[in-house]
Amino acid sequence: MRMLLNVKIPNEQFNKAVRDGSAGQKLGSILEEIKPEAVYFTEQNGRRGAILIIDIADPSKIPSFAEPWFLAFNADVEFRIVMTPQDLEKACLEELGKKWS
């Protein structure tokens, strides 16, 4: 299942990693491990953040996507199911509309 993984990293925790030179290595290791389809780094409410598109085949794999961020950066993570336009076409919205109208 394709999901959006929203990561919010506390400034002090990331600042510490920048100062000790480990930020790049930690980020690289996490991304190499979880292999996102896409990743964008951004600011979120004054904090460092990342937005990733990931594919989770089995819900039991969710910790393998979250724990690296928790342990490396004390980050907050949120998972949201997302669809491509092609996925939405398969949803048969017209049929659902008729059924539930």
N, C-alpha and C. Protein backbone atom coordinates (compact mmCIF):
# COMPACT_ATOMS: atom_id res chain seq x y z
N MET A 1 0.85 -1.17 0.00
CA MET A 1 0.00 0.00 0.00
C MET A 1 0.90 1.24 0.00
N ARG A 2 0.59 2.16 -0.88
CA ARG A 2 1.38 3.39 -0.97
C ARG A 2 0.94 4.33 0.16
N MET A 3 1.95 4.88 0.85
CA MET A 3 1.67 5.77 1.96
C MET A 3 2.57 6.99 1.91
N LEU A 4 2.06 8.06 2.49
CA LEU A 4 2.86 9.26 2.71
C LEU A 4 3.37 9.17 4.14
N LEU A 5 4.67 9.27 4.29
CA LEU A 5 5.30 9.27 5.60
C LEU A 5 5.76 10.69 5.88
N ASN A 6 5.15 11.31 6.86
CA ASN A 6 5.47 12.69 7.23
C ASN A 6 6.34 12.65 8.49
N VAL A 7 7.55 13.22 8.39
CA VAL A 7 8.52 13.19 9.48
C VAL A 7 8.77 14.60 9.97
N LYS A 8 8.67 14.80 11.27
CA LYS A 8 8.96 16.09 11.90
C LYS A 8 10.11 15.88 12.88
N ILE A 9 11.22 16.58 12.63
CA ILE A 9 12.43 16.36 13.41
C ILE A 9 12.66 17.53 14.35
N PRO A 10 12.80 17.28 15.65
CA PRO A 10 13.08 18.37 16.59
C PRO A 10 14.39 19.07 16.21
N ASN A 11 14.37 20.40 16.27
CA ASN A 11 15.56 21.17 15.88
C ASN A 11 16.79 20.81 16.68
N GLU A 12 16.67 20.72 18.00
CA GLU A 12 17.86 20.48 18.82
C GLU A 12 18.49 19.13 18.50
N GLN A 13 17.66 18.11 18.31
CA GLN A 13 18.19 16.78 18.00
C GLN A 13 18.94 16.79 16.67
N PHE A 14 18.39 17.46 15.67
CA PHE A 14 19.06 17.51 14.37
C PHE A 14 20.28 18.42 14.44
N ASN A 15 20.17 19.53 15.17
CA ASN A 15 21.33 20.41 15.34
C ASN A 15 22.51 19.64 15.92
N LYS A 16 22.24 18.81 16.91
CA LYS A 16 23.29 18.00 17.53
C LYS A 16 23.96 17.11 16.49
N ALA A 17 23.15 16.48 15.62
CA ALA A 17 23.71 15.60 14.58
C ALA A 17 24.50 16.40 13.55
N VAL A 18 24.05 17.61 13.24
CA VAL A 18 24.80 18.46 12.32
C VAL A 18 26.15 18.82 12.94
N ARG A 19 26.12 19.21 14.20
CA ARG A 19 27.36 19.63 14.89
C ARG A 19 28.37 18.50 15.02
N ASP A 20 27.88 17.28 15.29
CA ASP A 20 28.84 16.18 15.46
C ASP A 20 29.17 15.48 14.14
N GLY A 21 28.57 15.97 13.05
CA GLY A 21 28.90 15.44 11.73
C GLY A 21 28.16 14.18 11.34
N SER A 22 27.16 13.75 12.11
CA SER A 22 26.47 12.49 11.81
C SER A 22 25.16 12.64 11.05
N ALA A 23 24.70 13.87 10.81
CA ALA A 23 23.38 14.07 10.19
C ALA A 23 23.29 13.41 8.81
N GLY A 24 24.26 13.69 7.97
CA GLY A 24 24.23 13.14 6.61
C GLY A 24 24.28 11.63 6.59
N GLN A 25 25.13 11.05 7.42
CA GLN A 25 25.25 9.60 7.48
C GLN A 25 23.94 8.97 7.98
N LYS A 26 23.34 9.57 9.01
CA LYS A 26 22.09 9.04 9.56
C LYS A 26 20.98 9.11 8.51
N LEU A 27 20.85 10.27 7.85
CA LEU A 27 19.82 10.40 6.81
C LEU A 27 20.06 9.40 5.69
N GLY A 28 21.30 9.29 5.25
CA GLY A 28 21.62 8.35 4.17
C GLY A 28 21.30 6.92 4.54
N SER A 29 21.63 6.53 5.75
CA SER A 29 21.35 5.16 6.19
C SER A 29 19.85 4.87 6.24
N ILE A 30 19.10 5.84 6.75
CA ILE A 30 17.64 5.65 6.82
C ILE A 30 17.06 5.51 5.43
N LEU A 31 17.42 6.41 4.53
CA LEU A 31 16.87 6.38 3.17
C LEU A 31 17.29 5.12 2.42
N GLU A 32 18.52 4.68 2.63
CA GLU A 32 18.98 3.45 1.98
C GLU A 32 18.19 2.25 2.49
N GLU A 33 17.88 2.25 3.76
CA GLU A 33 17.15 1.14 4.37
C GLU A 33 15.68 1.10 3.92
N ILE A 34 15.00 2.24 3.95
CA ILE A 34 13.55 2.22 3.68
C ILE A 34 13.21 2.40 2.20
N LYS A 35 14.15 2.83 1.41
CA LYS A 35 13.99 2.94 -0.05
C LYS A 35 12.67 3.61 -0.46
N PRO A 36 12.50 4.89 -0.13
CA PRO A 36 11.25 5.57 -0.51
C PRO A 36 11.16 5.75 -2.02
N GLU A 37 9.92 5.82 -2.53
CA GLU A 37 9.71 6.13 -3.94
C GLU A 37 10.12 7.56 -4.23
N ALA A 38 9.88 8.44 -3.26
CA ALA A 38 10.25 9.86 -3.37
C ALA A 38 10.48 10.39 -1.97
N VAL A 39 11.33 11.42 -1.87
CA VAL A 39 11.57 12.07 -0.58
C VAL A 39 11.81 13.55 -0.83
N TYR A 40 11.21 14.36 0.03
CA TYR A 40 11.36 15.82 -0.04
C TYR A 40 11.63 16.32 1.38
N PHE A 41 12.67 17.11 1.53
CA PHE A 41 12.96 17.71 2.82
C PHE A 41 12.37 19.11 2.83
N THR A 42 11.77 19.48 3.96
CA THR A 42 11.04 20.73 4.04
C THR A 42 10.98 21.21 5.48
N GLU A 43 10.51 22.41 5.65
CA GLU A 43 10.23 22.97 6.98
C GLU A 43 8.79 22.65 7.32
N GLN A 44 8.54 22.30 8.58
CA GLN A 44 7.18 22.03 9.05
C GLN A 44 6.99 22.70 10.41
N ASN A 45 6.22 23.77 10.41
CA ASN A 45 5.96 24.51 11.64
C ASN A 45 7.24 24.90 12.38
N GLY A 46 8.22 25.38 11.64
CA GLY A 46 9.46 25.83 12.23
C GLY A 46 10.45 24.73 12.57
N ARG A 47 10.13 23.51 12.21
CA ARG A 47 11.01 22.37 12.47
C ARG A 47 11.46 21.76 11.15
N ARG A 48 12.57 21.06 11.19
CA ARG A 48 12.99 20.33 10.00
C ARG A 48 12.03 19.19 9.77
N GLY A 49 11.85 18.85 8.50
CA GLY A 49 10.94 17.75 8.21
C GLY A 49 11.25 17.10 6.89
N ALA A 50 10.58 16.00 6.67
CA ALA A 50 10.68 15.26 5.42
C ALA A 50 9.32 14.67 5.10
N ILE A 51 9.05 14.60 3.81
CA ILE A 51 7.84 13.95 3.31
C ILE A 51 8.31 12.87 2.35
N LEU A 52 7.91 11.64 2.62
CA LEU A 52 8.35 10.51 1.82
C LEU A 52 7.14 9.76 1.28
N ILE A 53 7.27 9.22 0.10
CA ILE A 53 6.28 8.29 -0.44
C ILE A 53 6.91 6.91 -0.32
N ILE A 54 6.21 6.02 0.38
CA ILE A 54 6.72 4.67 0.62
C ILE A 54 5.67 3.64 0.22
N ASP A 55 6.10 2.42 0.05
CA ASP A 55 5.17 1.33 -0.25
C ASP A 55 5.30 0.31 0.87
N ILE A 56 4.20 0.08 1.56
CA ILE A 56 4.18 -0.88 2.66
C ILE A 56 3.31 -2.06 2.25
N ALA A 57 3.94 -3.19 2.02
CA ALA A 57 3.21 -4.38 1.58
C ALA A 57 2.49 -5.07 2.74
N ASP A 58 2.99 -4.89 3.95
CA ASP A 58 2.46 -5.59 5.11
C ASP A 58 2.47 -4.64 6.30
N PRO A 59 1.34 -4.48 7.00
CA PRO A 59 1.30 -3.55 8.13
C PRO A 59 2.35 -3.84 9.21
N SER A 60 2.80 -5.08 9.31
CA SER A 60 3.82 -5.40 10.32
C SER A 60 5.16 -4.73 10.00
N LYS A 61 5.29 -4.16 8.80
CA LYS A 61 6.52 -3.47 8.40
C LYS A 61 6.53 -1.99 8.82
N ILE A 62 5.42 -1.49 9.33
CA ILE A 62 5.35 -0.07 9.71
C ILE A 62 6.47 0.32 10.68
N PRO A 63 6.76 -0.48 11.72
CA PRO A 63 7.86 -0.08 12.60
C PRO A 63 9.21 0.06 11.88
N SER A 64 9.44 -0.72 10.84
CA SER A 64 10.72 -0.62 10.14
C SER A 64 10.86 0.70 9.39
N PHE A 65 9.75 1.38 9.13
CA PHE A 65 9.78 2.70 8.51
C PHE A 65 9.82 3.82 9.55
N ALA A 66 9.23 3.59 10.72
CA ALA A 66 9.15 4.62 11.75
C ALA A 66 10.33 4.63 12.70
N GLU A 67 10.76 3.47 13.15
CA GLU A 67 11.80 3.39 14.18
C GLU A 67 13.10 4.10 13.83
N PRO A 68 13.58 4.00 12.58
CA PRO A 68 14.83 4.73 12.28
C PRO A 68 14.73 6.23 12.58
N TRP A 69 13.58 6.83 12.28
CA TRP A 69 13.39 8.27 12.54
C TRP A 69 13.28 8.53 14.04
N PHE A 70 12.55 7.65 14.74
CA PHE A 70 12.43 7.80 16.19
C PHE A 70 13.79 7.73 16.86
N LEU A 71 14.55 6.69 16.52
CA LEU A 71 15.81 6.41 17.21
C LEU A 71 16.94 7.36 16.81
N ALA A 72 17.01 7.73 15.54
CA ALA A 72 18.10 8.59 15.08
C ALA A 72 17.89 10.05 15.43
N PHE A 73 16.61 10.50 15.39
CA PHE A 73 16.36 11.94 15.53
C PHE A 73 15.27 12.29 16.54
N ASN A 74 14.71 11.32 17.24
CA ASN A 74 13.61 11.59 18.15
C ASN A 74 12.45 12.28 17.42
N ALA A 75 12.24 11.87 16.17
CA ALA A 75 11.26 12.52 15.29
C ALA A 75 9.85 12.03 15.57
N ASP A 76 8.89 12.84 15.16
CA ASP A 76 7.49 12.44 15.12
C ASP A 76 7.22 11.95 13.70
N VAL A 77 6.45 10.88 13.55
CA VAL A 77 6.11 10.38 12.23
C VAL A 77 4.61 10.18 12.11
N GLU A 78 4.10 10.40 10.93
CA GLU A 78 2.68 10.18 10.63
C GLU A 78 2.60 9.41 9.32
N PHE A 79 1.68 8.46 9.25
CA PHE A 79 1.45 7.69 8.04
C PHE A 79 0.07 8.02 7.49
N ARG A 80 0.01 8.24 6.18
CA ARG A 80 -1.27 8.49 5.53
C ARG A 80 -1.34 7.67 4.25
N ILE A 81 -2.46 7.01 4.04
CA ILE A 81 -2.66 6.26 2.80
C ILE A 81 -2.84 7.28 1.67
N VAL A 82 -2.18 7.03 0.54
CA VAL A 82 -2.32 7.92 -0.61
C VAL A 82 -2.62 7.09 -1.85
N MET A 83 -3.22 7.77 -2.85
CA MET A 83 -3.56 7.12 -4.11
C MET A 83 -3.04 7.96 -5.27
N THR A 84 -2.70 7.28 -6.34
CA THR A 84 -2.39 7.95 -7.59
C THR A 84 -3.72 8.19 -8.31
N PRO A 85 -3.73 9.01 -9.36
CA PRO A 85 -4.97 9.16 -10.13
C PRO A 85 -5.47 7.82 -10.68
N GLN A 86 -4.56 6.94 -11.04
CA GLN A 86 -4.96 5.62 -11.54
C GLN A 86 -5.62 4.79 -10.44
N ASP A 87 -5.12 4.89 -9.21
CA ASP A 87 -5.75 4.19 -8.09
C ASP A 87 -7.17 4.71 -7.88
N LEU A 88 -7.33 6.02 -7.95
CA LEU A 88 -8.66 6.61 -7.74
C LEU A 88 -9.63 6.16 -8.82
N GLU A 89 -9.16 6.02 -10.05
CA GLU A 89 -10.02 5.53 -11.14
C GLU A 89 -10.56 4.14 -10.81
N LYS A 90 -9.74 3.30 -10.21
CA LYS A 90 -10.14 1.93 -9.86
C LYS A 90 -11.17 1.89 -8.72
N ALA A 91 -11.37 3.01 -8.05
CA ALA A 91 -12.27 3.04 -6.89
C ALA A 91 -13.74 2.96 -7.28
N CYS A 92 -14.05 3.14 -8.57
CA CYS A 92 -15.43 3.07 -9.06
C CYS A 92 -16.34 4.04 -8.30
N LEU A 93 -15.96 5.31 -8.29
CA LEU A 93 -16.72 6.33 -7.57
C LEU A 93 -18.16 6.43 -8.05
N GLU A 94 -18.38 6.25 -9.36
CA GLU A 94 -19.75 6.34 -9.88
C GLU A 94 -20.64 5.28 -9.25
N GLU A 95 -20.12 4.06 -9.16
CA GLU A 95 -20.89 2.97 -8.54
C GLU A 95 -21.14 3.24 -7.06
N LEU A 96 -20.14 3.74 -6.38
CA LEU A 96 -20.30 4.07 -4.95
C LEU A 96 -21.33 5.18 -4.78
N GLY A 97 -21.29 6.15 -5.68
CA GLY A 97 -22.26 7.25 -5.62
C GLY A 97 -23.69 6.75 -5.78
N LYS A 98 -23.91 5.84 -6.72
CA LYS A 98 -25.24 5.27 -6.94
C LYS A 98 -25.68 4.44 -5.72
N LYS A 99 -24.76 3.68 -5.19
CA LYS A 99 -25.08 2.82 -4.06
C LYS A 99 -25.46 3.61 -2.82
N TRP A 100 -24.77 4.72 -2.57
CA TRP A 100 -24.93 5.44 -1.32
C TRP A 100 -25.72 6.74 -1.45
N SER A 101 -26.36 6.95 -2.59
CA SER A 101 -27.18 8.16 -2.75
C SER A 101 -28.62 7.90 -2.37
